[in-house]
C-alpha atoms as a PDB file:
ATOM      1  CA  MET A   1      19.913 -61.604  20.052  1.00  0.00           C
ATOM      2  CA  ALA A   2      17.258 -59.504  21.811  1.00  0.00           C
ATOM      3  CA  ALA A   3      20.379 -57.499  21.931  1.00  0.00           C
ATOM      4  CA  PRO A   4      20.162 -55.819  17.976  1.00  0.00           C
ATOM      5  CA  ILE A   5      16.433 -55.718  18.402  1.00  0.00           C
ATOM      6  CA  VAL A   6      16.782 -53.547  21.999  1.00  0.00           C
ATOM      7  CA  THR A   7      19.749 -52.172  19.605  1.00  0.00           C
ATOM      8  CA  THR A   8      17.976 -51.895  16.301  1.00  0.00           C
ATOM      9  CA  VAL A   9      14.656 -49.608  18.910  1.00  0.00           C
ATOM     10  CA  VAL A  10      16.404 -47.778  20.101  1.00  0.00           C
ATOM     11  CA  ALA A  11      18.164 -46.029  17.761  1.00  0.00           C
ATOM     12  CA  ALA A  12      14.980 -45.965  15.861  1.00  0.00           C
ATOM     13  CA  THR A  13      13.795 -43.763  18.939  1.00  0.00           C
ATOM     14  CA  LEU A  14      16.588 -41.800  19.094  1.00  0.00           C
ATOM     15  CA  GLY A  15      16.748 -41.119  15.883  1.00  0.00           C
ATOM     16  CA  LEU A  16      12.786 -40.279  16.040  1.00  0.00           C
ATOM     17  CA  MET A  17      13.613 -37.873  18.529  1.00  0.00           C
ATOM     18  CA  GLY A  18      16.198 -35.793  16.950  1.00  0.00           C
ATOM     19  CA  ALA A  19      13.443 -35.170  14.420  1.00  0.00           C
ATOM     20  CA  LEU A  20      11.421 -34.037  16.275  1.00  0.00           C
ATOM     21  CA  ALA A  21      13.997 -32.218  18.188  1.00  0.00           C
ATOM     22  CA  GLN A  22      15.370 -30.832  14.417  1.00  0.00           C
ATOM     23  CA  ALA A  23      11.005 -29.709  13.622  1.00  0.00           C
ATOM     24  CA  ALA A  24      10.497 -28.259  16.734  1.00  0.00           C
ATOM     25  CA  GLU A  25      11.457 -23.717  17.512  1.00  0.00           C
ATOM     26  CA  ILE A  26      11.840 -22.665  20.630  1.00  0.00           C
ATOM     27  CA  PRO A  27      10.455 -18.985  20.958  1.00  0.00           C
ATOM     28  CA  PRO A  28      13.060 -16.117  21.379  1.00  0.00           C
ATOM     29  CA  PRO A  29      13.410 -16.213  25.715  1.00  0.00           C
ATOM     30  CA  ALA A  30      11.324 -12.404  25.956  1.00  0.00           C
ATOM     31  CA  TYR A  31       8.147 -14.993  25.201  1.00  0.00           C
ATOM     32  CA  GLN A  32       9.375 -17.540  27.585  1.00  0.00           C
ATOM     33  CA  LEU A  33       9.680 -14.707  30.105  1.00  0.00           C
ATOM     34  CA  ILE A  34       6.463 -12.872  29.574  1.00  0.00           C
ATOM     35  CA  ALA A  35       4.126 -16.178  28.689  1.00  0.00           C
ATOM     36  CA  LEU A  36       4.869 -17.830  31.641  1.00  0.00           C
ATOM     37  CA  PRO A  37       3.480 -15.810  34.249  1.00  0.00           C
ATOM     38  CA  HIS A  38      -0.025 -15.002  32.310  1.00  0.00           C
ATOM     39  CA  GLY A  39       0.112 -18.767  31.723  1.00  0.00           C
ATOM     40  CA  VAL A  40       0.619 -19.482  28.250  1.00  0.00           C
ATOM     41  CA  PRO A  41       2.595 -21.605  26.709  1.00  0.00           C
ATOM     42  CA  SER A  42       5.359 -18.981  24.578  1.00  0.00           C
ATOM     43  CA  GLU A  43       4.859 -21.008  22.296  1.00  0.00           C
ATOM     44  CA  VAL A  44       0.993 -19.978  21.630  1.00  0.00           C
ATOM     45  CA  LEU A  45       2.035 -16.658  22.238  1.00  0.00           C
ATOM     46  CA  TYR A  46       5.919 -16.687  19.792  1.00  0.00           C
ATOM     47  CA  SER A  47       3.401 -18.586  17.137  1.00  0.00           C
ATOM     48  CA  VAL A  48       0.451 -15.745  17.120  1.00  0.00           C
ATOM     49  CA  ALA A  49       3.255 -13.073  16.626  1.00  0.00           C
ATOM     50  CA  LEU A  50       4.929 -15.148  14.147  1.00  0.00           C
ATOM     51  CA  GLN A  51       0.888 -14.951  12.973  1.00  0.00           C
ATOM     52  CA  GLU A  52       0.500 -11.081  12.923  1.00  0.00           C
ATOM     53  CA  SER A  53       3.965  -9.942  12.794  1.00  0.00           C
ATOM     54  CA  GLY A  54       5.965 -12.342  10.939  1.00  0.00           C
ATOM     55  CA  THR A  55       8.270 -10.884   7.745  1.00  0.00           C
ATOM     56  CA  ARG A  56      11.094 -13.129   5.987  1.00  0.00           C
ATOM     57  CA  ILE A  57      14.248 -11.940   6.861  1.00  0.00           C
ATOM     58  CA  ARG A  58      17.060 -14.143   4.781  1.00  0.00           C
ATOM     59  CA  GLY A  59      14.635 -16.751   4.161  1.00  0.00           C
ATOM     60  CA  GLN A  60      13.212 -17.415   7.885  1.00  0.00           C
ATOM     61  CA  LEU A  61      10.277 -16.514   9.304  1.00  0.00           C
ATOM     62  CA  VAL A  62      10.190 -14.632  12.244  1.00  0.00           C
ATOM     63  CA  PRO A  63       7.912 -11.623  14.206  1.00  0.00           C
ATOM     64  CA  TRP A  64       8.413  -7.759  13.378  1.00  0.00           C
ATOM     65  CA  PRO A  65       7.672  -5.497  15.987  1.00  0.00           C
ATOM     66  CA  TRP A  66       7.026  -2.303  14.304  1.00  0.00           C
ATOM     67  CA  THR A  67       4.817  -3.163  12.440  1.00  0.00           C
ATOM     68  CA  LEU A  68       1.314  -1.682  11.724  1.00  0.00           C
ATOM     69  CA  ASN A  69      -2.212  -2.732  10.169  1.00  0.00           C
ATOM     70  CA  VAL A  70      -4.063   0.712   8.673  1.00  0.00           C
ATOM     71  CA  ALA A  71      -7.607  -0.505   8.084  1.00  0.00           C
ATOM     72  CA  GLY A  72      -6.509  -3.568   6.718  1.00  0.00           C
ATOM     73  CA  SER A  73      -2.806  -3.201   4.582  1.00  0.00           C
ATOM     74  CA  GLY A  74      -0.355  -3.815   6.632  1.00  0.00           C
ATOM     75  CA  TYR A  75       3.025  -1.443   7.177  1.00  0.00           C
ATOM     76  CA  ARG A  76       6.720  -2.748   8.822  1.00  0.00           C
ATOM     77  CA  PHE A  77       9.468   0.301   9.293  1.00  0.00           C
ATOM     78  CA  ALA A  78      12.456   0.383   9.416  1.00  0.00           C
ATOM     79  CA  THR A  79      12.848   1.659  13.710  1.00  0.00           C
ATOM     80  CA  ARG A  80      10.242   2.289  15.786  1.00  0.00           C
ATOM     81  CA  ASP A  81      10.383   6.001  15.965  1.00  0.00           C
ATOM     82  CA  ASP A  82       9.685   5.820  12.415  1.00  0.00           C
ATOM     83  CA  ALA A  83       6.634   2.300  13.016  1.00  0.00           C
ATOM     84  CA  CYS A  84       5.158   5.824  15.966  1.00  0.00           C
ATOM     85  CA  LYS A  85       4.730   8.744  13.519  1.00  0.00           C
ATOM     86  CA  ALA A  86       2.749   6.811  11.632  1.00  0.00           C
ATOM     87  CA  LEU A  87       1.187   4.949  14.035  1.00  0.00           C
ATOM     88  CA  MET A  88      -0.410   8.503  15.738  1.00  0.00           C
ATOM     89  CA  VAL A  89      -1.406   9.366  11.564  1.00  0.00           C
ATOM     90  CA  ALA A  90      -3.298   6.319  11.168  1.00  0.00           C
ATOM     91  CA  LEU A  91      -5.331   6.915  14.249  1.00  0.00           C
ATOM     92  CA  VAL A  92      -6.706  10.192  12.839  1.00  0.00           C
ATOM     93  CA  THR A  93      -7.039   9.275   9.933  1.00  0.00           C
ATOM     94  CA  ALA A  94      -8.233   5.334   9.637  1.00  0.00           C
ATOM     95  CA  GLY A  95      -9.079   5.268  13.454  1.00  0.00           C
ATOM     96  CA  PRO A  96      -8.309   3.401  16.365  1.00  0.00           C
ATOM     97  CA  SER A  97     -10.532   0.415  15.821  1.00  0.00           C
ATOM     98  CA  ARG A  98      -8.832   0.380  12.457  1.00  0.00           C
ATOM     99  CA  VAL A  99      -5.105   0.295  13.643  1.00  0.00           C
ATOM    100  CA  ASP A 100      -3.593  -2.738  14.848  1.00  0.00           C
ATOM    101  CA  VAL A 101      -0.020  -2.886  16.585  1.00  0.00           C
ATOM    102  CA  GLY A 102       3.055  -3.930  17.579  1.00  0.00           C
ATOM    103  CA  LEU A 103       4.132  -8.301  17.354  1.00  0.00           C
ATOM    104  CA  GLY A 104       0.971  -8.826  18.035  1.00  0.00           C
ATOM    105  CA  GLN A 105      -1.102  -6.616  16.660  1.00  0.00           C
ATOM    106  CA  THR A 106      -3.432  -5.509  18.944  1.00  0.00           C
ATOM    107  CA  ASN A 107      -6.114  -3.405  17.546  1.00  0.00           C
ATOM    108  CA  MET A 108      -6.294   0.545  18.868  1.00  0.00           C
ATOM    109  CA  GLY A 109      -9.937   0.748  19.690  1.00  0.00           C
ATOM    110  CA  ALA A 110     -10.491  -2.483  21.895  1.00  0.00           C
ATOM    111  CA  ASN A 111      -7.231  -2.687  23.155  1.00  0.00           C
ATOM    112  CA  GLY A 112      -5.115   1.321  22.851  1.00  0.00           C
ATOM    113  CA  HIS A 113      -6.125   1.516  26.996  1.00  0.00           C
ATOM    114  CA  ARG A 114      -3.888  -1.324  27.968  1.00  0.00           C
ATOM    115  CA  TYR A 115      -1.415   1.206  26.866  1.00  0.00           C
ATOM    116  CA  SER A 116       0.118   4.569  28.744  1.00  0.00           C
ATOM    117  CA  SER A 117       0.485   5.721  25.137  1.00  0.00           C
ATOM    118  CA  PRO A 118      -0.557   4.236  21.683  1.00  0.00           C
ATOM    119  CA  CYS A 119       3.958   4.503  20.154  1.00  0.00           C
ATOM    120  CA  GLU A 120       4.122   2.212  24.070  1.00  0.00           C
ATOM    121  CA  GLY A 121       2.715  -0.952  21.988  1.00  0.00           C
ATOM    122  CA  LEU A 122       5.185  -0.410  19.648  1.00  0.00           C
ATOM    123  CA  ASP A 123       7.746  -1.314  22.332  1.00  0.00           C
ATOM    124  CA  PRO A 124       7.772  -5.663  21.615  1.00  0.00           C
ATOM    125  CA  TYR A 125       8.532  -6.310  25.342  1.00  0.00           C
ATOM    126  CA  LYS A 126       4.861  -4.179  26.255  1.00  0.00           C
ATOM    127  CA  ASN A 127       2.592  -5.889  23.648  1.00  0.00           C
ATOM    128  CA  LEU A 128       4.020  -8.913  24.197  1.00  0.00           C
ATOM    129  CA  THR A 129       3.092  -9.030  27.622  1.00  0.00           C
ATOM    130  CA  VAL A 130      -0.943  -6.823  26.258  1.00  0.00           C
ATOM    131  CA  THR A 131      -1.267  -9.982  24.017  1.00  0.00           C
ATOM    132  CA  ALA A 132      -0.574 -12.872  26.678  1.00  0.00           C
ATOM    133  CA  GLN A 133      -3.112 -10.984  28.813  1.00  0.00           C
ATOM    134  CA  ILE A 134      -5.632 -10.766  26.219  1.00  0.00           C
ATOM    135  CA  LEU A 135      -4.655 -14.656  24.303  1.00  0.00           C
ATOM    136  CA  ALA A 136      -5.075 -15.651  28.703  1.00  0.00           C
ATOM    137  CA  GLU A 137      -8.175 -13.930  28.601  1.00  0.00           C
ATOM    138  CA  GLN A 138      -9.832 -15.591  25.785  1.00  0.00           C
ATOM    139  CA  LYS A 139      -8.411 -19.346  26.959  1.00  0.00           C
ATOM    140  CA  ALA A 140     -10.763 -18.396  29.864  1.00  0.00           C
ATOM    141  CA  ARG A 141     -13.400 -18.838  28.310  1.00  0.00           C
ATOM    142  CA  GLY A 142     -12.996 -21.820  27.505  1.00  0.00           C
ATOM    143  CA  GLY A 143     -12.121 -24.044  24.932  1.00  0.00           C
ATOM    144  CA  ASP A 144      -8.090 -25.279  23.992  1.00  0.00           C
ATOM    145  CA  TRP A 145      -5.798 -22.617  22.574  1.00  0.00           C
ATOM    146  CA  ILE A 146      -6.625 -23.196  19.640  1.00  0.00           C
ATOM    147  CA  THR A 147      -9.577 -21.802  20.003  1.00  0.00           C
ATOM    148  CA  ALA A 148      -8.922 -18.795  21.959  1.00  0.00           C
ATOM    149  CA  ALA A 149      -6.309 -17.704  19.587  1.00  0.00           C
ATOM    150  CA  GLY A 150      -9.384 -17.142  16.986  1.00  0.00           C
ATOM    151  CA  HIS A 151     -10.890 -14.978  19.575  1.00  0.00           C
ATOM    152  CA  TYR A 152      -7.448 -13.699  20.355  1.00  0.00           C
ATOM    153  CA  HIS A 153      -7.631 -12.079  15.949  1.00  0.00           C
ATOM    154  CA  ARG A 154     -12.192 -11.974  16.378  1.00  0.00           C
ATOM    155  CA  PRO A 155     -13.274 -12.506  19.213  1.00  0.00           C
ATOM    156  CA  ALA A 156     -16.619 -12.768  17.813  1.00  0.00           C
ATOM    157  CA  GLY A 157     -15.938 -15.964  16.579  1.00  0.00           C
ATOM    158  CA  GLY A 158     -17.135 -16.822  12.291  1.00  0.00           C
ATOM    159  CA  VAL A 159     -15.339 -17.317   9.329  1.00  0.00           C
ATOM    160  CA  PRO A 160     -12.883 -14.849  10.176  1.00  0.00           C
ATOM    161  CA  ALA A 161     -11.523 -16.537  13.558  1.00  0.00           C
ATOM    162  CA  ALA A 162     -11.846 -19.912  12.019  1.00  0.00           C
ATOM    163  CA  ASN A 163      -9.084 -18.346   9.237  1.00  0.00           C
ATOM    164  CA  TYR A 164      -7.560 -17.585  11.659  1.00  0.00           C
ATOM    165  CA  ARG A 165      -7.110 -20.468  13.560  1.00  0.00           C
ATOM    166  CA  LYS A 166      -5.375 -22.578   9.789  1.00  0.00           C
ATOM    167  CA  ALA A 167      -3.428 -20.226   9.981  1.00  0.00           C
ATOM    168  CA  PHE A 168      -2.298 -19.950  13.399  1.00  0.00           C
ATOM    169  CA  ALA A 169      -2.683 -23.546  14.111  1.00  0.00           C
ATOM    170  CA  LYS A 170       0.148 -24.042  11.208  1.00  0.00           C
ATOM    171  CA  HIS A 171       3.450 -22.037  12.585  1.00  0.00           C
ATOM    172  CA  LEU A 172       2.017 -23.824  16.601  1.00  0.00           C
ATOM    173  CA  SER A 173       2.470 -27.229  15.170  1.00  0.00           C
ATOM    174  CA  ARG A 174       5.918 -24.916  12.529  1.00  0.00           C
ATOM    175  CA  VAL A 175       7.330 -24.129  16.620  1.00  0.00           C
ATOM    176  CA  THR A 176       5.378 -26.862  18.121  1.00  0.00           C
ATOM    177  CA  GLY A 177       7.471 -30.028  16.283  1.00  0.00           C
ATOM    178  CA  ILE A 178       4.014 -31.498  16.682  1.00  0.00           C
ATOM    179  CA  LYS A 179       1.547 -31.645  13.743  1.00  0.00           C
ATOM    180  CA  LEU A 180      -1.459 -30.443  14.457  1.00  0.00           C
ATOM    181  CA  LEU A 181      -4.327 -33.680  13.503  1.00  0.00           C
ATOM    182  CA  ALA A 182      -7.465 -31.059  13.029  1.00  0.00           C
ATOM    183  CA  VAL A 183      -8.210 -27.368  14.088  1.00  0.00           C
ATOM    184  CA  ASN A 184     -11.847 -26.738  15.884  1.00  0.00           C
ATOM    185  CA  PRO A 185     -14.390 -25.921  13.824  1.00  0.00           C
END
């Protein structure tokens, strides 16, 4: 009589594991390769990119490397060259502190020094490296990865960081397949 119960428990456990595996999303290899040396979980790096530059392509949300945010307005470009031209204009017209660039939407005023040239911020690998560096720096301030992501968006904290943490946590939950029960205040 014990065998049917064990079989049922094993089947239920495998079914649950299968459901969790389907809910999780494995970050693309570049995110894994870049995140690891900086001590950042690849799921965190990928979730930040989804939050910052995510766009729908064929019904799926994916980060877009040639994304700019200029003074609060988002722009996506078909090519890196087009994005670079627009970036150079935006830096002059809006000023570096009002321009975010690339997959991680790094702010050129606060982090432009991390690039050898402004358009290097549109290189997906360099942008993800800078994003991972900033995330690691914010995590070192204390707290969990959700808190670090909030500080990534707004180092001063406050309502904008809290709102970001909530949006980021939804992406992280989707990517990891783990329902996050609470987001830090």
